[in-house]
Amino acid sequence: MLQAKRTVVFDLDGTLADTSADLLAAANACFSDLGHGPMLTDADRLTAFHGGRAMLRLGFSRLGTVQEAMIDAQYPRLLAAYADAIDTHTRLYPGAVSALEALAARGFILSVCTNKPAGLAETLLARLGVRGMFGAMIGADTLPTRKPDAAPYIASVVQAGGVVGQSMLVGDTETDRKTGLAAGVPVALVTFGPEGQGIARLEPEALLHHFDDLPELAERVIP
């Protein structure tokens, strides 16, 4: 009975799927509308995984001015541009679907906890064909707080029918590492994201080099 409640919670952007190209394109659409050329490139993938406001802030900094009012004004435009082309380039990372299927076959509950707005996350997961594999999906605006606060993570476990003390988070950024610490759960950080092996600097409980390794890693890491 206890094993049936073990839960693996996934971040979305940079963990389950490489969404960076579509995110960067949405931010660049804002700058193009303002009469500037593209301000962000593929080298800014890590910033893309920190969200729309982070991308806008970086772009405006390259123009020599950063005002929160400007970011606030452009953020809805970025979301609209992203929604219009949410899966043009986005793909699940290799082995993701097989890993999800293998975890489910072993009795693990699966869930998503992301700082992407919930509506966009739901759309993307559906477009990628995997929404039905997750028992819950908590987005940036589902609750009053977002990661690295522990509440969204806890909700993603509980709403899926799991137990927080028998769960783990799979992510790709410092935000995910801090979320795990806040919730008191182990974290596996992927090394196939923009930081590569450098993510080891955050000293997570585990590193995930390929999704093929996740089922055995989860068996080992979750108490």
Foldseek 3Di string as FASTA:
>chain_A
DQLLQFAEEEEPDQFFKPQQVLLQVLLQVLVVVVVDGRQDDPLCSVQSQVDNLSSNQSSVVVVVDGDVVVSVVCVVSSVVSCLVCVVVPMATAPPSVVLLVVQVVSNYAYFYAYQAPQVSVCVVCVVNPHPVSHLYYHYNPNDPHGFPAQVSVCCRSVSSPHDLLQYEYEEADPRRLSNCVNSVFFYEHEQPGPCHPVVCVSVTPYYHDGSVCPNVVSVVRGD
